[in-house]
Amino acid sequence: MHKLARSVHKWLMLFLGVQFVIWSVTGAYMVFFDIDYIHGDTLVNQHQVTINPQNIDFSLAELIKAYPQASQISMGKLMNQDVYRFHIEQGDSTQLVMLSAQTGERLSAINQAAAVTLAQYYYQHSEHQVAEVNYIADNPPFEISPRHLPVWQIHFDHFSLPTLYVSAQSGLLVGKRHVFWRAFDWMFRFHIMDYSSGENIDNKLLFFVALLSTIGVISGLVLTYFRVFKTGRSKRKTRLVRHQGGM
């Protein structure tokens, strides 16, 4: 058993050693950074979203009368303006609609100028200038979910490469990213050994490596037993025999 444990432990640790280093480095990175910072909470202002009912001149009943097919109706803010947001079916697709809660006027989709204004409104650091603006209608980067499309991608000029994503339909902030979040995402992927989407919940590779790691740990415990306890007993027996022989 001693020889078997030594052979198994040696080859498994040779195979798994690199992954152990990856687990250590990625785990240390994820523990070091505050998760609220990684989520980008420090990038955005927490604006007051309280709605004054006295400012609502276009009632919900009027909205339903004008748009009987409306679903998922909500009321919120577009900067300082009170608006309704809801969905309507158009053929095989669903469209998000915004109405002014004061006039009932249907608001147009968010253009580039409005997207930049909204991004600056959401962004906490007014001293940072807008560096680049992109409209994304398909094939989004990995850091934003396709369900939010279409979106405006607004980059700000800072070493952490902060990026805000503003919905082109609702004007809502749907994503906030920076270079440390992007690094965290890759660290998480390497940590769970998911080299595809980062959302693999049925990761057979991780299970296989974890199983081999468990076997490696058990073989190491067996080696510890033989090298510590067995060796100690043998040494005590040897000293006892020598002592009796000397007598």
Protein backbone atom coordinates (compact mmCIF):
# COMPACT_ATOMS: atom_id res chain seq x y z
CA MET A 1 0.00 0.00 0.00
CA HIS A 2 2.90 2.32 0.74
CA LYS A 3 4.35 1.89 -2.75
CA LEU A 4 0.94 2.26 -4.40
CA ALA A 5 0.15 5.42 -2.46
CA ARG A 6 3.54 6.91 -3.30
CA SER A 7 3.13 6.18 -7.01
CA VAL A 8 -0.46 7.48 -7.15
CA HIS A 9 0.38 10.64 -5.19
CA LYS A 10 3.46 11.44 -7.28
CA TRP A 11 1.75 11.18 -10.66
CA LEU A 12 -1.48 12.84 -9.59
CA MET A 13 0.34 15.80 -8.07
CA LEU A 14 2.45 16.10 -11.20
CA PHE A 15 -0.75 16.24 -13.25
CA LEU A 16 -2.78 18.43 -10.87
CA GLY A 17 -0.05 20.74 -9.60
CA VAL A 18 -0.62 23.39 -12.26
CA GLN A 19 -4.37 23.44 -11.56
CA PHE A 20 -3.68 23.81 -7.82
CA VAL A 21 -1.58 26.89 -8.60
CA ILE A 22 -4.38 28.27 -10.80
CA TRP A 23 -6.93 27.68 -8.03
CA SER A 24 -4.67 29.47 -5.54
CA VAL A 25 -3.98 32.51 -7.73
CA THR A 26 -7.56 32.95 -8.94
CA GLY A 27 -8.97 32.39 -5.46
CA ALA A 28 -6.58 34.97 -3.99
CA TYR A 29 -7.64 37.53 -6.64
CA MET A 30 -11.35 37.00 -5.97
CA VAL A 31 -10.85 37.30 -2.21
CA PHE A 32 -8.58 40.36 -2.42
CA PHE A 33 -11.05 42.65 -4.23
CA ASP A 34 -14.24 43.85 -2.58
CA ILE A 35 -17.18 42.31 -4.44
CA ASP A 36 -19.12 45.62 -4.49
CA TYR A 37 -16.19 47.23 -6.28
CA ILE A 38 -16.03 44.34 -8.74
CA HIS A 39 -19.75 44.73 -9.44
CA GLY A 40 -19.08 48.36 -10.37
CA ASP A 41 -21.23 49.85 -7.61
CA THR A 42 -18.62 52.56 -7.05
CA LEU A 43 -18.96 53.69 -10.67
CA VAL A 44 -22.55 54.89 -10.48
CA ASN A 45 -24.60 57.39 -8.54
CA GLN A 46 -27.48 56.17 -6.43
CA HIS A 47 -30.09 58.65 -7.61
CA GLN A 48 -33.35 59.20 -5.77
CA VAL A 49 -36.12 57.38 -7.66
CA THR A 50 -39.12 58.48 -5.62
CA ILE A 51 -42.12 59.32 -7.82
CA ASN A 52 -44.56 62.03 -6.75
CA PRO A 53 -48.12 60.91 -7.66
CA GLN A 54 -49.15 64.54 -8.06
CA ASN A 55 -46.88 64.78 -11.09
CA ILE A 56 -48.67 61.92 -12.89
CA ASP A 57 -51.21 63.45 -15.28
CA PHE A 58 -51.55 60.45 -17.60
CA SER A 59 -53.22 57.66 -15.60
CA LEU A 60 -52.71 53.94 -15.84
CA ALA A 61 -56.32 53.55 -17.02
CA GLU A 62 -55.60 55.90 -19.93
CA LEU A 63 -52.49 53.92 -20.81
CA ILE A 64 -54.39 50.61 -20.89
CA LYS A 65 -57.13 52.20 -22.99
CA ALA A 66 -54.56 53.48 -25.50
CA TYR A 67 -52.47 50.29 -25.46
CA PRO A 68 -54.77 47.35 -24.52
CA GLN A 69 -52.07 44.86 -25.52
CA ALA A 70 -49.54 46.35 -23.06
CA SER A 71 -47.83 43.95 -20.65
CA GLN A 72 -45.19 44.20 -17.90
CA ILE A 73 -46.17 47.80 -17.19
CA SER A 74 -43.90 49.70 -14.81
CA MET A 75 -43.35 53.30 -13.81
CA GLY A 76 -39.92 54.78 -13.31
CA LYS A 77 -37.56 57.61 -14.09
CA LEU A 78 -35.75 58.74 -17.21
CA MET A 79 -33.33 61.07 -15.46
CA ASN A 80 -35.78 63.55 -13.87
CA GLN A 81 -38.78 62.62 -16.00
CA ASP A 82 -41.51 60.21 -14.84
CA VAL A 83 -42.21 57.58 -17.49
CA TYR A 84 -44.18 54.41 -18.11
CA ARG A 85 -42.36 51.42 -19.55
CA PHE A 86 -44.20 48.43 -20.98
CA HIS A 87 -44.00 45.78 -23.70
CA ILE A 88 -46.22 45.25 -26.73
CA GLU A 89 -46.24 42.36 -29.17
CA GLN A 90 -45.29 43.17 -32.73
CA GLY A 91 -45.47 40.08 -34.90
CA ASP A 92 -42.93 37.56 -33.59
CA SER A 93 -41.07 40.11 -31.46
CA THR A 94 -41.70 42.15 -28.35
CA GLN A 95 -41.00 45.87 -28.26
CA LEU A 96 -40.42 48.03 -25.20
CA VAL A 97 -42.34 51.31 -25.22
CA MET A 98 -41.84 54.44 -23.10
CA LEU A 99 -44.53 57.02 -22.44
CA SER A 100 -44.34 60.31 -20.61
CA ALA A 101 -46.31 60.00 -17.37
CA GLN A 102 -47.21 63.69 -17.67
CA THR A 103 -48.48 63.90 -21.26
CA GLY A 104 -48.87 60.29 -22.41
CA GLU A 105 -46.60 61.10 -25.34
CA ARG A 106 -44.68 58.15 -26.73
CA LEU A 107 -40.98 58.77 -26.28
CA SER A 108 -38.53 57.95 -29.04
CA ALA A 109 -35.70 55.43 -28.72
CA ILE A 110 -32.51 56.63 -27.06
CA ASN A 111 -30.15 58.19 -29.60
CA GLN A 112 -26.41 58.65 -29.16
CA ALA A 113 -26.61 62.13 -27.65
CA ALA A 114 -29.25 61.02 -25.15
CA ALA A 115 -27.22 57.89 -24.32
CA VAL A 116 -24.15 59.98 -23.51
CA THR A 117 -26.21 62.33 -21.35
CA LEU A 118 -27.73 59.38 -19.49
CA ALA A 119 -24.31 57.75 -19.02
CA GLN A 120 -22.92 60.95 -17.55
CA TYR A 121 -25.99 61.15 -15.32
CA TYR A 122 -25.45 57.60 -14.06
CA TYR A 123 -21.64 57.83 -13.84
CA GLN A 124 -20.26 58.94 -10.48
CA HIS A 125 -16.99 60.50 -11.59
CA SER A 126 -17.86 63.67 -13.49
CA GLU A 127 -14.16 64.47 -14.00
CA HIS A 128 -13.78 61.52 -16.41
CA GLN A 129 -14.52 62.32 -20.04
CA VAL A 130 -16.40 60.08 -22.46
CA ALA A 131 -13.78 58.35 -24.59
CA GLU A 132 -15.85 56.24 -27.00
CA VAL A 133 -19.48 55.45 -27.81
CA ASN A 134 -20.74 52.35 -29.66
CA TYR A 135 -24.20 51.16 -30.64
CA ILE A 136 -24.61 47.39 -30.23
CA ALA A 137 -27.62 45.66 -31.78
CA ASP A 138 -26.19 42.13 -32.13
CA ASN A 139 -23.13 40.06 -31.25
CA PRO A 140 -22.59 41.75 -27.86
CA PRO A 141 -19.30 41.37 -25.96
CA PHE A 142 -19.21 38.67 -23.30
CA GLU A 143 -19.70 41.23 -20.52
CA ILE A 144 -23.29 42.17 -21.44
CA SER A 145 -26.23 39.80 -21.81
CA PRO A 146 -27.92 39.60 -25.26
CA ARG A 147 -31.31 40.11 -23.59
CA HIS A 148 -30.43 43.80 -23.07
CA LEU A 149 -29.89 44.51 -26.77
CA PRO A 150 -29.88 46.99 -28.32
CA VAL A 151 -27.60 49.00 -26.05
CA TRP A 152 -25.26 51.95 -26.13
CA GLN A 153 -21.74 51.17 -24.92
CA ILE A 154 -20.07 54.22 -23.38
CA HIS A 155 -16.38 54.08 -22.41
CA PHE A 156 -14.89 56.63 -20.02
CA ASP A 157 -11.30 57.87 -20.01
CA HIS A 158 -9.71 56.24 -16.95
CA PHE A 159 -7.00 53.64 -16.35
CA SER A 160 -9.60 51.10 -15.14
CA LEU A 161 -11.42 51.40 -18.50
CA PRO A 162 -14.91 51.92 -17.01
CA THR A 163 -17.80 51.15 -19.36
CA LEU A 164 -21.51 51.79 -18.93
CA TYR A 165 -24.24 50.11 -20.97
CA VAL A 166 -27.44 52.09 -21.52
CA SER A 167 -30.49 50.43 -23.04
CA ALA A 168 -31.42 52.01 -26.36
CA GLN A 169 -35.08 51.24 -25.65
CA SER A 170 -35.59 52.04 -21.98
CA GLY A 171 -32.71 54.39 -21.19
CA LEU A 172 -31.93 52.27 -18.13
CA LEU A 173 -28.43 51.39 -17.01
CA VAL A 174 -28.14 47.68 -17.80
CA GLY A 175 -24.44 47.10 -17.23
CA LYS A 176 -21.37 48.60 -15.58
CA ARG A 177 -17.96 47.12 -16.19
CA HIS A 178 -14.27 47.90 -15.70
CA VAL A 179 -10.97 46.14 -16.23
CA PHE A 180 -10.96 44.59 -12.74
CA TRP A 181 -14.43 43.11 -13.33
CA ARG A 182 -13.21 41.68 -16.64
CA ALA A 183 -10.18 40.16 -14.92
CA PHE A 184 -12.46 38.81 -12.16
CA ASP A 185 -14.66 37.17 -14.78
CA TRP A 186 -11.68 35.36 -16.30
CA MET A 187 -10.37 34.43 -12.85
CA PHE A 188 -13.76 32.92 -12.01
CA ARG A 189 -13.78 30.95 -15.25
CA PHE A 190 -10.33 29.53 -14.58
CA HIS A 191 -11.28 28.83 -10.96
CA ILE A 192 -14.29 26.70 -11.92
CA MET A 193 -12.51 25.37 -15.04
CA ASP A 194 -15.17 26.70 -17.38
CA TYR A 195 -13.40 27.76 -20.54
CA SER A 196 -16.51 28.55 -22.59
CA SER A 197 -19.29 30.87 -21.38
CA GLY A 198 -18.41 31.22 -17.70
CA GLU A 199 -21.91 29.99 -16.79
CA ASN A 200 -21.48 26.24 -17.11
CA ILE A 201 -23.46 24.66 -14.27
CA ASP A 202 -22.74 21.09 -15.38
CA ASN A 203 -18.96 21.12 -15.49
CA LYS A 204 -17.77 17.53 -15.86
CA LEU A 205 -14.13 18.63 -16.17
CA LEU A 206 -14.24 20.30 -12.74
CA PHE A 207 -15.88 17.21 -11.25
CA PHE A 208 -13.23 14.93 -12.78
CA VAL A 209 -10.32 17.07 -11.55
CA ALA A 210 -11.91 17.42 -8.10
CA LEU A 211 -12.27 13.63 -7.91
CA LEU A 212 -8.61 13.14 -8.84
CA SER A 213 -7.63 15.77 -6.28
CA THR A 214 -9.53 13.88 -3.58
CA ILE A 215 -7.69 10.70 -4.52
CA GLY A 216 -4.42 12.63 -4.40
CA VAL A 217 -5.23 13.92 -0.90
CA ILE A 218 -6.12 10.43 0.34
CA SER A 219 -2.90 8.98 -1.08
CA GLY A 220 -1.00 11.80 0.63
CA LEU A 221 -2.63 10.93 3.97
CA VAL A 222 -1.61 7.31 3.48
CA LEU A 223 1.97 8.43 2.84
CA THR A 224 1.84 10.62 5.94
CA TYR A 225 0.75 7.65 8.00
CA PHE A 226 3.62 5.49 6.76
CA ARG A 227 6.27 8.20 6.96
CA VAL A 228 5.30 9.64 10.33
CA PHE A 229 3.56 7.01 12.42
CA LYS A 230 5.06 3.85 10.93
CA THR A 231 8.55 5.31 10.83
CA GLY A 232 8.18 6.50 14.45
CA ARG A 233 7.10 3.04 15.60
CA SER A 234 10.00 1.39 13.75
CA LYS A 235 12.51 3.77 15.33
CA ARG A 236 11.10 3.15 18.81
CA LYS A 237 11.27 -0.62 18.27
CA THR A 238 14.87 -0.35 17.04
CA ARG A 239 15.91 1.68 20.08
CA LEU A 240 14.12 -0.77 22.38
CA VAL A 241 15.90 -3.78 20.80
CA ARG A 242 19.28 -2.08 21.06
CA HIS A 243 18.61 -1.16 24.66
CA GLN A 244 17.66 -4.76 25.56
CA GLY A 245 20.68 -6.12 23.66
CA GLY A 246 22.95 -3.79 25.58
CA MET A 247 21.58 -5.11 28.86
